[in-house]
Amino acid sequence: MSVNRDNSEKALLQQVIAGDQNGFVGIYEIYNRMVYNFIIRYVNSVPMAEDLTQEVFMKIWESRLSLAGVKSFKAYLFTTARNHTLNNLKIVFRSEAAIGEVISGFVKLRNATEEDILHKDYALFLRKMLDGLPPRSREIFKLCREEEKTYDEVARSLNISRNAVKNHMVHSMKVLGSSIQKEFGISLSIIIALLYSYRG
């Protein structure tokens, strides 16, 4: 983004925060097509992508006062778009397993710029939460989730019982899940699916 466009966007955002619809129209014109292209990779439906895009911008307008504290509007916008899309898919498919399939199916179509922003957002937050876990719980979580080891394999490698591994994982999932739900409005399992699909 050029310096002039950056300054223009900041001015438009100030107008939006002040309730000026002209500023909102300006922001919409800058990002409308990008958000639509981002969403359609997940829903694979033009009508649905168009509806969700409109709904995302309505959410931005309705929560415009909170924009004053946003450091990166683009990251905020695409996080909103992703969360809104996934929440709608969750209603449609009624299960996170189905959402995982949708993510896996369309991840090859991603745009690196938007994905990088969101991936870093999610990965940094998850890493921060992991760092707050007790050392043993953090070690077990990494072995189970990052190295995809079974509870039995982790138990043998750490010379502890399978039940101890399970208890550590249950505790970690509760702590991480609660924090991520509060921060991003989606579940830990979706975050993990997104990070691994990105990495894979």
N, C-alpha and C. Protein backbone atom coordinates (compact mmCIF):
# COMPACT_ATOMS: atom_id res chain seq x y z
N MET A 1 0.84 -1.20 0.00
CA MET A 1 0.00 0.00 0.00
C MET A 1 0.87 1.24 0.00
N SER A 2 0.62 2.19 -0.85
CA SER A 2 1.42 3.41 -0.94
C SER A 2 1.14 4.29 0.26
N VAL A 3 2.05 5.26 0.48
CA VAL A 3 1.87 6.20 1.59
C VAL A 3 0.58 6.99 1.41
N ASN A 4 0.32 7.45 0.15
CA ASN A 4 -0.89 8.22 -0.11
C ASN A 4 -2.15 7.41 0.18
N ARG A 5 -2.15 6.16 -0.27
CA ARG A 5 -3.34 5.33 -0.02
C ARG A 5 -3.48 5.04 1.46
N ASP A 6 -2.34 4.84 2.13
CA ASP A 6 -2.37 4.59 3.57
C ASP A 6 -2.98 5.77 4.31
N ASN A 7 -2.54 6.98 3.94
CA ASN A 7 -3.09 8.18 4.58
C ASN A 7 -4.56 8.35 4.24
N SER A 8 -4.92 8.04 2.99
CA SER A 8 -6.32 8.15 2.56
C SER A 8 -7.19 7.18 3.35
N GLU A 9 -6.69 5.96 3.53
CA GLU A 9 -7.46 4.96 4.28
C GLU A 9 -7.65 5.41 5.73
N LYS A 10 -6.61 5.95 6.32
CA LYS A 10 -6.72 6.43 7.71
C LYS A 10 -7.77 7.52 7.81
N ALA A 11 -7.78 8.41 6.84
CA ALA A 11 -8.77 9.50 6.84
C ALA A 11 -10.18 8.93 6.70
N LEU A 12 -10.33 7.94 5.82
CA LEU A 12 -11.65 7.31 5.63
C LEU A 12 -12.10 6.61 6.91
N LEU A 13 -11.17 5.94 7.58
CA LEU A 13 -11.51 5.23 8.82
C LEU A 13 -11.96 6.22 9.91
N GLN A 14 -11.30 7.37 9.95
CA GLN A 14 -11.72 8.40 10.92
C GLN A 14 -13.14 8.86 10.61
N GLN A 15 -13.47 8.96 9.33
CA GLN A 15 -14.83 9.33 8.95
C GLN A 15 -15.83 8.25 9.36
N VAL A 16 -15.43 6.99 9.15
CA VAL A 16 -16.30 5.87 9.53
C VAL A 16 -16.57 5.90 11.03
N ILE A 17 -15.52 6.07 11.81
CA ILE A 17 -15.64 6.11 13.27
C ILE A 17 -16.59 7.23 13.69
N ALA A 18 -16.54 8.34 12.96
CA ALA A 18 -17.39 9.49 13.26
C ALA A 18 -18.82 9.30 12.76
N GLY A 19 -19.07 8.18 12.07
CA GLY A 19 -20.43 7.91 11.58
C GLY A 19 -20.72 8.48 10.21
N ASP A 20 -19.68 8.86 9.48
CA ASP A 20 -19.84 9.44 8.14
C ASP A 20 -19.95 8.31 7.12
N GLN A 21 -21.09 8.20 6.46
CA GLN A 21 -21.30 7.12 5.50
C GLN A 21 -20.43 7.26 4.26
N ASN A 22 -20.01 8.46 3.93
CA ASN A 22 -19.12 8.64 2.79
C ASN A 22 -17.78 7.94 3.03
N GLY A 23 -17.30 8.02 4.26
CA GLY A 23 -16.07 7.32 4.62
C GLY A 23 -16.25 5.82 4.50
N PHE A 24 -17.41 5.35 4.92
CA PHE A 24 -17.71 3.92 4.83
C PHE A 24 -17.74 3.46 3.37
N VAL A 25 -18.34 4.26 2.51
CA VAL A 25 -18.39 3.93 1.08
C VAL A 25 -16.97 3.84 0.52
N GLY A 26 -16.10 4.74 0.95
CA GLY A 26 -14.71 4.73 0.49
C GLY A 26 -13.99 3.46 0.90
N ILE A 27 -14.17 3.06 2.17
CA ILE A 27 -13.55 1.83 2.66
C ILE A 27 -14.12 0.62 1.92
N TYR A 28 -15.41 0.64 1.69
CA TYR A 28 -16.07 -0.45 0.98
C TYR A 28 -15.49 -0.59 -0.43
N GLU A 29 -15.29 0.53 -1.10
CA GLU A 29 -14.77 0.49 -2.47
C GLU A 29 -13.33 -0.04 -2.52
N ILE A 30 -12.56 0.23 -1.48
CA ILE A 30 -11.18 -0.26 -1.43
C ILE A 30 -11.14 -1.77 -1.22
N TYR A 31 -11.98 -2.27 -0.31
CA TYR A 31 -11.85 -3.65 0.15
C TYR A 31 -12.94 -4.62 -0.31
N ASN A 32 -13.99 -4.12 -0.91
CA ASN A 32 -15.12 -4.99 -1.27
C ASN A 32 -14.70 -6.22 -2.07
N ARG A 33 -13.97 -6.00 -3.16
CA ARG A 33 -13.59 -7.11 -4.04
C ARG A 33 -12.62 -8.05 -3.35
N MET A 34 -11.71 -7.53 -2.55
CA MET A 34 -10.76 -8.39 -1.84
C MET A 34 -11.47 -9.30 -0.85
N VAL A 35 -12.43 -8.74 -0.13
CA VAL A 35 -13.17 -9.54 0.85
C VAL A 35 -13.99 -10.61 0.14
N TYR A 36 -14.64 -10.22 -0.95
CA TYR A 36 -15.43 -11.19 -1.72
C TYR A 36 -14.55 -12.33 -2.22
N ASN A 37 -13.39 -12.01 -2.80
CA ASN A 37 -12.48 -13.04 -3.30
C ASN A 37 -11.98 -13.95 -2.18
N PHE A 38 -11.81 -13.37 -1.02
CA PHE A 38 -11.36 -14.13 0.16
C PHE A 38 -12.44 -15.11 0.60
N ILE A 39 -13.68 -14.65 0.67
CA ILE A 39 -14.78 -15.47 1.17
C ILE A 39 -15.15 -16.59 0.20
N ILE A 40 -15.14 -16.29 -1.09
CA ILE A 40 -15.63 -17.29 -2.05
C ILE A 40 -14.76 -18.54 -2.07
N ARG A 41 -13.51 -18.42 -1.63
CA ARG A 41 -12.66 -19.60 -1.59
C ARG A 41 -13.15 -20.60 -0.55
N TYR A 42 -13.88 -20.12 0.42
CA TYR A 42 -14.39 -21.01 1.47
C TYR A 42 -15.80 -21.52 1.17
N VAL A 43 -16.61 -20.73 0.53
CA VAL A 43 -18.01 -21.13 0.34
C VAL A 43 -18.29 -21.67 -1.06
N ASN A 44 -17.43 -21.31 -2.02
CA ASN A 44 -17.58 -21.80 -3.40
C ASN A 44 -18.98 -21.55 -3.95
N SER A 45 -19.56 -20.42 -3.58
CA SER A 45 -20.91 -20.06 -4.04
C SER A 45 -20.96 -18.55 -4.21
N VAL A 46 -21.22 -18.10 -5.43
CA VAL A 46 -21.25 -16.65 -5.70
C VAL A 46 -22.33 -15.94 -4.87
N PRO A 47 -23.59 -16.41 -4.87
CA PRO A 47 -24.62 -15.72 -4.09
C PRO A 47 -24.29 -15.66 -2.59
N MET A 48 -23.79 -16.78 -2.06
CA MET A 48 -23.45 -16.82 -0.64
C MET A 48 -22.27 -15.90 -0.33
N ALA A 49 -21.27 -15.88 -1.21
CA ALA A 49 -20.11 -15.01 -1.00
C ALA A 49 -20.52 -13.54 -1.05
N GLU A 50 -21.43 -13.21 -1.97
CA GLU A 50 -21.90 -11.83 -2.06
C GLU A 50 -22.66 -11.42 -0.79
N ASP A 51 -23.52 -12.32 -0.31
CA ASP A 51 -24.29 -12.02 0.90
C ASP A 51 -23.37 -11.86 2.11
N LEU A 52 -22.41 -12.78 2.25
CA LEU A 52 -21.49 -12.73 3.39
C LEU A 52 -20.61 -11.49 3.34
N THR A 53 -20.22 -11.09 2.13
CA THR A 53 -19.41 -9.88 1.98
C THR A 53 -20.18 -8.65 2.47
N GLN A 54 -21.44 -8.56 2.07
CA GLN A 54 -22.27 -7.43 2.53
C GLN A 54 -22.42 -7.45 4.04
N GLU A 55 -22.61 -8.65 4.59
CA GLU A 55 -22.80 -8.79 6.04
C GLU A 55 -21.54 -8.41 6.80
N VAL A 56 -20.38 -8.74 6.24
CA VAL A 56 -19.11 -8.37 6.88
C VAL A 56 -18.98 -6.86 6.98
N PHE A 57 -19.30 -6.17 5.89
CA PHE A 57 -19.18 -4.70 5.92
C PHE A 57 -20.23 -4.07 6.83
N MET A 58 -21.38 -4.71 6.95
CA MET A 58 -22.38 -4.22 7.91
C MET A 58 -21.86 -4.37 9.33
N LYS A 59 -21.17 -5.47 9.58
CA LYS A 59 -20.57 -5.67 10.90
C LYS A 59 -19.54 -4.57 11.19
N ILE A 60 -18.75 -4.25 10.18
CA ILE A 60 -17.75 -3.19 10.34
C ILE A 60 -18.44 -1.86 10.69
N TRP A 61 -19.52 -1.56 9.97
CA TRP A 61 -20.25 -0.30 10.22
C TRP A 61 -20.86 -0.30 11.62
N GLU A 62 -21.47 -1.42 12.00
CA GLU A 62 -22.13 -1.49 13.30
C GLU A 62 -21.14 -1.42 14.47
N SER A 63 -19.91 -1.88 14.23
CA SER A 63 -18.91 -1.85 15.31
C SER A 63 -17.86 -0.77 15.06
N ARG A 64 -18.26 0.28 14.32
CA ARG A 64 -17.29 1.31 13.88
C ARG A 64 -16.59 2.01 15.05
N LEU A 65 -17.25 2.14 16.19
CA LEU A 65 -16.61 2.82 17.32
C LEU A 65 -15.39 2.06 17.83
N SER A 66 -15.41 0.74 17.66
CA SER A 66 -14.29 -0.06 18.14
C SER A 66 -13.07 0.06 17.23
N LEU A 67 -13.25 0.64 16.04
CA LEU A 67 -12.14 0.77 15.09
C LEU A 67 -11.06 1.71 15.60
N ALA A 68 -11.41 2.57 16.53
CA ALA A 68 -10.43 3.52 17.07
C ALA A 68 -9.25 2.80 17.72
N GLY A 69 -9.50 1.61 18.25
CA GLY A 69 -8.42 0.87 18.91
C GLY A 69 -7.77 -0.18 18.05
N VAL A 70 -8.09 -0.21 16.76
CA VAL A 70 -7.55 -1.23 15.85
C VAL A 70 -6.25 -0.74 15.24
N LYS A 71 -5.18 -1.54 15.36
CA LYS A 71 -3.88 -1.15 14.82
C LYS A 71 -3.79 -1.41 13.32
N SER A 72 -4.32 -2.54 12.88
CA SER A 72 -4.29 -2.88 11.46
C SER A 72 -5.71 -3.15 11.00
N PHE A 73 -6.28 -2.20 10.27
CA PHE A 73 -7.66 -2.38 9.81
C PHE A 73 -7.78 -3.57 8.88
N LYS A 74 -6.79 -3.78 8.02
CA LYS A 74 -6.87 -4.88 7.07
C LYS A 74 -6.92 -6.22 7.80
N ALA A 75 -6.07 -6.38 8.81
CA ALA A 75 -6.08 -7.62 9.59
C ALA A 75 -7.42 -7.79 10.30
N TYR A 76 -7.93 -6.69 10.84
CA TYR A 76 -9.22 -6.71 11.54
C TYR A 76 -10.35 -7.09 10.57
N LEU A 77 -10.32 -6.51 9.38
CA LEU A 77 -11.36 -6.76 8.39
C LEU A 77 -11.36 -8.23 7.95
N PHE A 78 -10.19 -8.76 7.64
CA PHE A 78 -10.14 -10.14 7.16
C PHE A 78 -10.37 -11.16 8.28
N THR A 79 -10.02 -10.80 9.50
CA THR A 79 -10.36 -11.67 10.63
C THR A 79 -11.87 -11.71 10.80
N THR A 80 -12.51 -10.54 10.67
CA THR A 80 -13.97 -10.47 10.74
C THR A 80 -14.60 -11.30 9.62
N ALA A 81 -14.05 -11.17 8.42
CA ALA A 81 -14.58 -11.92 7.27
C ALA A 81 -14.45 -13.41 7.49
N ARG A 82 -13.30 -13.84 7.97
CA ARG A 82 -13.09 -15.28 8.20
C ARG A 82 -14.02 -15.79 9.29
N ASN A 83 -14.07 -15.10 10.41
CA ASN A 83 -14.91 -15.55 11.52
C ASN A 83 -16.37 -15.63 11.10
N HIS A 84 -16.83 -14.60 10.39
CA HIS A 84 -18.24 -14.58 9.97
C HIS A 84 -18.52 -15.71 8.99
N THR A 85 -17.60 -15.96 8.09
CA THR A 85 -17.77 -17.04 7.10
C THR A 85 -17.79 -18.40 7.79
N LEU A 86 -16.84 -18.63 8.68
CA LEU A 86 -16.77 -19.92 9.37
C LEU A 86 -17.99 -20.15 10.26
N ASN A 87 -18.43 -19.09 10.92
CA ASN A 87 -19.62 -19.24 11.76
C ASN A 87 -20.85 -19.58 10.94
N ASN A 88 -20.94 -19.00 9.74
CA ASN A 88 -22.06 -19.33 8.86
C ASN A 88 -21.94 -20.74 8.31
N LEU A 89 -20.73 -21.16 8.00
CA LEU A 89 -20.53 -22.53 7.54
C LEU A 89 -20.86 -23.52 8.65
N LYS A 90 -20.55 -23.12 9.86
CA LYS A 90 -20.85 -24.00 11.00
C LYS A 90 -22.35 -24.24 11.11
N ILE A 91 -23.13 -23.20 10.86
CA ILE A 91 -24.58 -23.34 10.89
C ILE A 91 -25.04 -24.25 9.75
N VAL A 92 -24.43 -24.05 8.57
CA VAL A 92 -24.82 -24.84 7.41
C VAL A 92 -24.46 -26.31 7.58
N PHE A 93 -23.24 -26.56 8.02
CA PHE A 93 -22.77 -27.94 8.08
C PHE A 93 -23.01 -28.62 9.43
N ARG A 94 -23.30 -27.82 10.46
CA ARG A 94 -23.65 -28.35 11.77
C ARG A 94 -22.53 -29.12 12.46
N SER A 95 -21.33 -29.02 11.95
CA SER A 95 -20.23 -29.69 12.63
C SER A 95 -18.90 -29.08 12.22
N GLU A 96 -17.94 -29.08 13.15
CA GLU A 96 -16.62 -28.54 12.84
C GLU A 96 -15.86 -29.47 11.90
N ALA A 97 -16.19 -30.76 11.92
CA ALA A 97 -15.54 -31.71 11.01
C ALA A 97 -15.82 -31.32 9.57
N ALA A 98 -17.05 -30.90 9.30
CA ALA A 98 -17.42 -30.49 7.94
C ALA A 98 -16.68 -29.22 7.56
N ILE A 99 -16.54 -28.31 8.50
CA ILE A 99 -15.80 -27.08 8.22
C ILE A 99 -14.36 -27.42 7.88
N GLY A 100 -13.78 -28.39 8.61
CA GLY A 100 -12.42 -28.81 8.33
C GLY A 100 -12.27 -29.30 6.91
N GLU A 101 -13.27 -30.00 6.42
CA GLU A 101 -13.23 -30.48 5.03
C GLU A 101 -13.28 -29.32 4.05
N VAL A 102 -14.12 -28.32 4.35
CA VAL A 102 -14.21 -27.15 3.48
C VAL A 102 -12.87 -26.42 3.45
N ILE A 103 -12.27 -26.25 4.62
CA ILE A 103 -10.98 -25.58 4.70
C ILE A 103 -9.93 -26.32 3.89
N SER A 104 -9.87 -27.64 4.06
CA SER A 104 -8.89 -28.45 3.34
C SER A 104 -9.13 -28.38 1.84
N GLY A 105 -10.38 -28.35 1.43
CA GLY A 105 -10.72 -28.33 0.02
C GLY A 105 -10.34 -27.06 -0.69
N PHE A 106 -10.37 -25.94 0.02
CA PHE A 106 -10.13 -24.65 -0.64
C PHE A 106 -8.82 -23.98 -0.25
N VAL A 107 -8.05 -24.62 0.63
CA VAL A 107 -6.85 -23.96 1.13
C VAL A 107 -5.84 -23.69 0.01
N LYS A 108 -5.83 -24.51 -1.06
CA LYS A 108 -4.89 -24.31 -2.15
C LYS A 108 -5.19 -23.04 -2.94
N LEU A 109 -6.39 -22.50 -2.78
CA LEU A 109 -6.79 -21.32 -3.52
C LEU A 109 -6.53 -20.02 -2.78
N ARG A 110 -5.91 -20.14 -1.62
CA ARG A 110 -5.76 -18.96 -0.76
C ARG A 110 -4.88 -17.89 -1.40
N ASN A 111 -5.08 -16.68 -0.94
CA ASN A 111 -4.24 -15.55 -1.33
C ASN A 111 -3.22 -15.35 -0.23
N ALA A 112 -1.93 -15.41 -0.56
CA ALA A 112 -0.88 -15.41 0.46
C ALA A 112 -0.91 -14.16 1.33
N THR A 113 -1.24 -13.01 0.76
CA THR A 113 -1.20 -11.77 1.53
C THR A 113 -2.19 -11.79 2.68
N GLU A 114 -3.47 -12.09 2.38
CA GLU A 114 -4.47 -12.12 3.45
C GLU A 114 -4.22 -13.27 4.40
N GLU A 115 -3.82 -14.44 3.85
CA GLU A 115 -3.61 -15.61 4.70
C GLU A 115 -2.45 -15.37 5.65
N ASP A 116 -1.38 -14.70 5.16
CA ASP A 116 -0.24 -14.42 6.02
C ASP A 116 -0.66 -13.58 7.22
N ILE A 117 -1.48 -12.57 6.97
CA ILE A 117 -1.93 -11.69 8.05
C ILE A 117 -2.66 -12.50 9.12
N LEU A 118 -3.61 -13.32 8.67
CA LEU A 118 -4.43 -14.06 9.63
C LEU A 118 -3.67 -15.21 10.25
N HIS A 119 -2.84 -15.88 9.48
CA HIS A 119 -2.07 -16.99 10.01
C HIS A 119 -1.17 -16.50 11.14
N LYS A 120 -0.50 -15.37 10.92
CA LYS A 120 0.39 -14.83 11.94
C LYS A 120 -0.40 -14.43 13.17
N ASP A 121 -1.58 -13.83 12.94
CA ASP A 121 -2.46 -13.44 14.04
C ASP A 121 -2.80 -14.64 14.92
N TYR A 122 -3.28 -15.70 14.30
CA TYR A 122 -3.69 -16.89 15.02
C TYR A 122 -2.50 -17.61 15.64
N ALA A 123 -1.42 -17.77 14.86
CA ALA A 123 -0.26 -18.51 15.34
C ALA A 123 0.40 -17.82 16.52
N LEU A 124 0.52 -16.50 16.46
CA LEU A 124 1.14 -15.76 17.56
C LEU A 124 0.29 -15.85 18.82
N PHE A 125 -1.03 -15.77 18.65
CA PHE A 125 -1.91 -15.84 19.82
C PHE A 125 -1.83 -17.23 20.43
N LEU A 126 -1.88 -18.28 19.59
CA LEU A 126 -1.81 -19.64 20.11
C LEU A 126 -0.48 -19.87 20.80
N ARG A 127 0.60 -19.36 20.22
CA ARG A 127 1.92 -19.52 20.84
C ARG A 127 1.97 -18.82 22.19
N LYS A 128 1.38 -17.66 22.26
CA LYS A 128 1.35 -16.91 23.53
C LYS A 128 0.59 -17.70 24.59
N MET A 129 -0.55 -18.28 24.21
CA MET A 129 -1.34 -19.07 25.15
C MET A 129 -0.59 -20.34 25.57
N LEU A 130 0.10 -20.97 24.61
CA LEU A 130 0.87 -22.17 24.92
C LEU A 130 1.98 -21.87 25.92
N ASP A 131 2.62 -20.72 25.73
CA ASP A 131 3.70 -20.34 26.63
C ASP A 131 3.22 -20.14 28.07
N GLY A 132 1.93 -19.89 28.22
CA GLY A 132 1.37 -19.69 29.55
C GLY A 132 0.99 -20.98 30.26
N LEU A 133 1.05 -22.11 29.53
CA LEU A 133 0.72 -23.40 30.14
C LEU A 133 1.89 -23.90 30.98
N PRO A 134 1.63 -24.78 31.94
CA PRO A 134 2.73 -25.41 32.69
C PRO A 134 3.63 -26.16 31.71
N PRO A 135 4.94 -26.22 31.99
CA PRO A 135 5.89 -26.84 31.05
C PRO A 135 5.49 -28.24 30.58
N ARG A 136 5.04 -29.10 31.48
CA ARG A 136 4.68 -30.46 31.09
C ARG A 136 3.45 -30.47 30.17
N SER A 137 2.46 -29.65 30.49
CA SER A 137 1.27 -29.57 29.64
C SER A 137 1.62 -29.04 28.26
N ARG A 138 2.51 -28.05 28.22
CA ARG A 138 2.93 -27.48 26.94
C ARG A 138 3.67 -28.52 26.11
N GLU A 139 4.53 -29.29 26.75
CA GLU A 139 5.28 -30.34 26.04
C GLU A 139 4.34 -31.40 25.46
N ILE A 140 3.37 -31.81 26.26
CA ILE A 140 2.43 -32.84 25.81
C ILE A 140 1.55 -32.32 24.68
N PHE A 141 1.11 -31.08 24.79
CA PHE A 141 0.28 -30.49 23.74
C PHE A 141 1.04 -30.46 22.42
N LYS A 142 2.30 -30.05 22.45
CA LYS A 142 3.11 -29.98 21.23
C LYS A 142 3.30 -31.35 20.61
N LEU A 143 3.55 -32.37 21.46
CA LEU A 143 3.76 -33.72 20.96
C LEU A 143 2.48 -34.26 20.30
N CYS A 144 1.34 -33.98 20.94
CA CYS A 144 0.07 -34.50 20.43
C CYS A 144 -0.42 -33.75 19.20
N ARG A 145 -0.32 -32.41 19.23
CA ARG A 145 -0.89 -31.60 18.16
C ARG A 145 0.09 -31.28 17.04
N GLU A 146 1.31 -30.91 17.41
CA GLU A 146 2.27 -30.51 16.39
C GLU A 146 2.97 -31.70 15.76
N GLU A 147 3.28 -32.71 16.57
CA GLU A 147 3.96 -33.90 16.04
C GLU A 147 2.98 -35.03 15.78
N GLU A 148 1.70 -34.81 16.11
CA GLU A 148 0.61 -35.74 15.84
C GLU A 148 0.85 -37.14 16.41
N LYS A 149 1.44 -37.18 17.60
CA LYS A 149 1.65 -38.46 18.28
C LYS A 149 0.38 -38.86 19.02
N THR A 150 0.17 -40.15 19.19
CA THR A 150 -0.98 -40.64 19.95
C THR A 150 -0.70 -40.49 21.44
N TYR A 151 -1.75 -40.59 22.24
CA TYR A 151 -1.58 -40.53 23.69
C TYR A 151 -0.64 -41.64 24.16
N ASP A 152 -0.78 -42.82 23.59
CA ASP A 152 0.07 -43.95 23.99
C ASP A 152 1.54 -43.68 23.66
N GLU A 153 1.79 -43.12 22.48
CA GLU A 153 3.17 -42.81 22.09
C GLU A 153 3.78 -41.76 23.00
N VAL A 154 3.00 -40.74 23.35
CA VAL A 154 3.49 -39.69 24.25
C VAL A 154 3.74 -40.26 25.64
N ALA A 155 2.84 -41.10 26.10
CA ALA A 155 2.99 -41.71 27.42
C ALA A 155 4.29 -42.52 27.49
N ARG A 156 4.57 -43.29 26.45
CA ARG A 156 5.79 -44.10 26.44
C ARG A 156 7.04 -43.23 26.38
N SER A 157 6.99 -42.18 25.56
CA SER A 157 8.19 -41.34 25.40
C SER A 157 8.50 -40.53 26.66
N LEU A 158 7.46 -40.19 27.42
CA LEU A 158 7.66 -39.39 28.64
C LEU A 158 7.64 -40.24 29.91
N ASN A 159 7.41 -41.55 29.72
CA ASN A 159 7.37 -42.48 30.84
C ASN A 159 6.32 -42.09 31.88
N ILE A 160 5.13 -41.74 31.37
CA ILE A 160 3.99 -41.46 32.24
C ILE A 160 2.80 -42.26 31.74
N SER A 161 1.71 -42.26 32.50
CA SER A 161 0.55 -43.04 32.09
C SER A 161 -0.23 -42.35 30.97
N ARG A 162 -0.96 -43.15 30.21
CA ARG A 162 -1.82 -42.61 29.16
C ARG A 162 -2.85 -41.67 29.76
N ASN A 163 -3.36 -42.01 30.92
CA ASN A 163 -4.36 -41.19 31.59
C ASN A 163 -3.80 -39.82 31.96
N ALA A 164 -2.52 -39.79 32.34
CA ALA A 164 -1.88 -38.51 32.69
C ALA A 164 -1.79 -37.63 31.44
N VAL A 165 -1.44 -38.25 30.31
CA VAL A 165 -1.38 -37.50 29.04
C VAL A 165 -2.75 -36.92 28.72
N LYS A 166 -3.78 -37.75 28.84
CA LYS A 166 -5.14 -37.31 28.55
C LYS A 166 -5.55 -36.15 29.45
N ASN A 167 -5.25 -36.25 30.72
CA ASN A 167 -5.62 -35.19 31.67
C ASN A 167 -4.93 -33.87 31.33
N HIS A 168 -3.66 -33.94 30.96
CA HIS A 168 -2.94 -32.73 30.55
C HIS A 168 -3.59 -32.11 29.32
N MET A 169 -3.95 -32.96 28.35
CA MET A 169 -4.55 -32.46 27.11
C MET A 169 -5.93 -31.85 27.36
N VAL A 170 -6.73 -32.48 28.19
CA VAL A 170 -8.05 -31.95 28.50
C VAL A 170 -7.92 -30.57 29.14
N HIS A 171 -7.00 -30.45 30.09
CA HIS A 171 -6.78 -29.16 30.76
C HIS A 171 -6.31 -28.10 29.76
N SER A 172 -5.33 -28.48 28.91
CA SER A 172 -4.78 -27.53 27.94
C SER A 172 -5.85 -27.07 26.95
N MET A 173 -6.64 -28.02 26.46
CA MET A 173 -7.69 -27.69 25.49
C MET A 173 -8.72 -26.73 26.09
N LYS A 174 -9.04 -26.93 27.36
CA LYS A 174 -10.00 -26.05 28.02
C LYS A 174 -9.45 -24.64 28.14
N VAL A 175 -8.20 -24.53 28.57
CA VAL A 175 -7.57 -23.21 28.75
C VAL A 175 -7.42 -22.50 27.41
N LEU A 176 -6.85 -23.20 26.43
CA LEU A 176 -6.63 -22.60 25.11
C LEU A 176 -7.95 -22.31 24.40
N GLY A 177 -8.88 -23.25 24.49
CA GLY A 177 -10.17 -23.09 23.82
C GLY A 177 -10.93 -21.88 24.33
N SER A 178 -10.94 -21.69 25.64
CA SER A 178 -11.64 -20.55 26.24
C SER A 178 -11.02 -19.24 25.79
N SER A 179 -9.69 -19.18 25.78
CA SER A 179 -8.98 -17.94 25.39
C SER A 179 -9.21 -17.60 23.92
N ILE A 180 -9.15 -18.61 23.06
CA ILE A 180 -9.31 -18.38 21.62
C ILE A 180 -10.74 -18.03 21.26
N GLN A 181 -11.69 -18.69 21.92
CA GLN A 181 -13.10 -18.35 21.69
C GLN A 181 -13.36 -16.89 22.05
N LYS A 182 -12.78 -16.46 23.16
CA LYS A 182 -12.96 -15.07 23.62
C LYS A 182 -12.28 -14.08 22.69
N GLU A 183 -11.10 -14.42 22.19
CA GLU A 183 -10.32 -13.50 21.36
C GLU A 183 -10.83 -13.43 19.92
N PHE A 184 -11.14 -14.59 19.32
CA PHE A 184 -11.47 -14.64 17.90
C PHE A 184 -12.90 -15.03 17.59
N GLY A 185 -13.60 -15.57 18.59
CA GLY A 185 -14.99 -15.94 18.37
C GLY A 185 -15.18 -17.27 17.67
N ILE A 186 -14.10 -18.05 17.51
CA ILE A 186 -14.21 -19.39 16.93
C ILE A 186 -13.44 -20.36 17.80
N SER A 187 -13.66 -21.65 17.58
CA SER A 187 -13.12 -22.65 18.49
C SER A 187 -11.66 -23.00 18.21
N LEU A 188 -11.03 -23.62 19.21
CA LEU A 188 -9.64 -24.03 19.10
C LEU A 188 -9.44 -25.02 17.97
N SER A 189 -10.37 -25.95 17.79
CA SER A 189 -10.22 -26.96 16.74
C SER A 189 -10.19 -26.32 15.35
N ILE A 190 -10.96 -25.24 15.16
CA ILE A 190 -10.95 -24.55 13.87
C ILE A 190 -9.61 -23.83 13.68
N ILE A 191 -9.11 -23.19 14.74
CA ILE A 191 -7.81 -22.52 14.66
C ILE A 191 -6.73 -23.52 14.26
N ILE A 192 -6.72 -24.67 14.90
CA ILE A 192 -5.71 -25.68 14.61
C ILE A 192 -5.86 -26.17 13.17
N ALA A 193 -7.09 -26.38 12.73
CA ALA A 193 -7.33 -26.82 11.34
C ALA A 193 -6.79 -25.79 10.36
N LEU A 194 -7.03 -24.52 10.65
CA LEU A 194 -6.56 -23.45 9.77
C LEU A 194 -5.04 -23.40 9.72
N LEU A 195 -4.40 -23.50 10.88
CA LEU A 195 -2.94 -23.41 10.93
C LEU A 195 -2.29 -24.59 10.22
N TYR A 196 -2.84 -25.79 10.42
CA TYR A 196 -2.24 -26.97 9.79
C TYR A 196 -2.52 -27.01 8.30
N SER A 197 -3.70 -26.53 7.86
CA SER A 197 -4.00 -26.50 6.43
C SER A 197 -3.10 -25.48 5.75
N TYR A 198 -2.83 -24.39 6.45
CA TYR A 198 -1.92 -23.36 5.90
C TYR A 198 -0.52 -23.93 5.75
N ARG A 199 -0.07 -24.64 6.82
CA ARG A 199 1.29 -25.17 6.84
C ARG A 199 1.46 -26.31 5.85
N GLY A 200 0.37 -27.09 5.66
CA GLY A 200 0.46 -28.27 4.80
C GLY A 200 0.46 -27.93 3.35
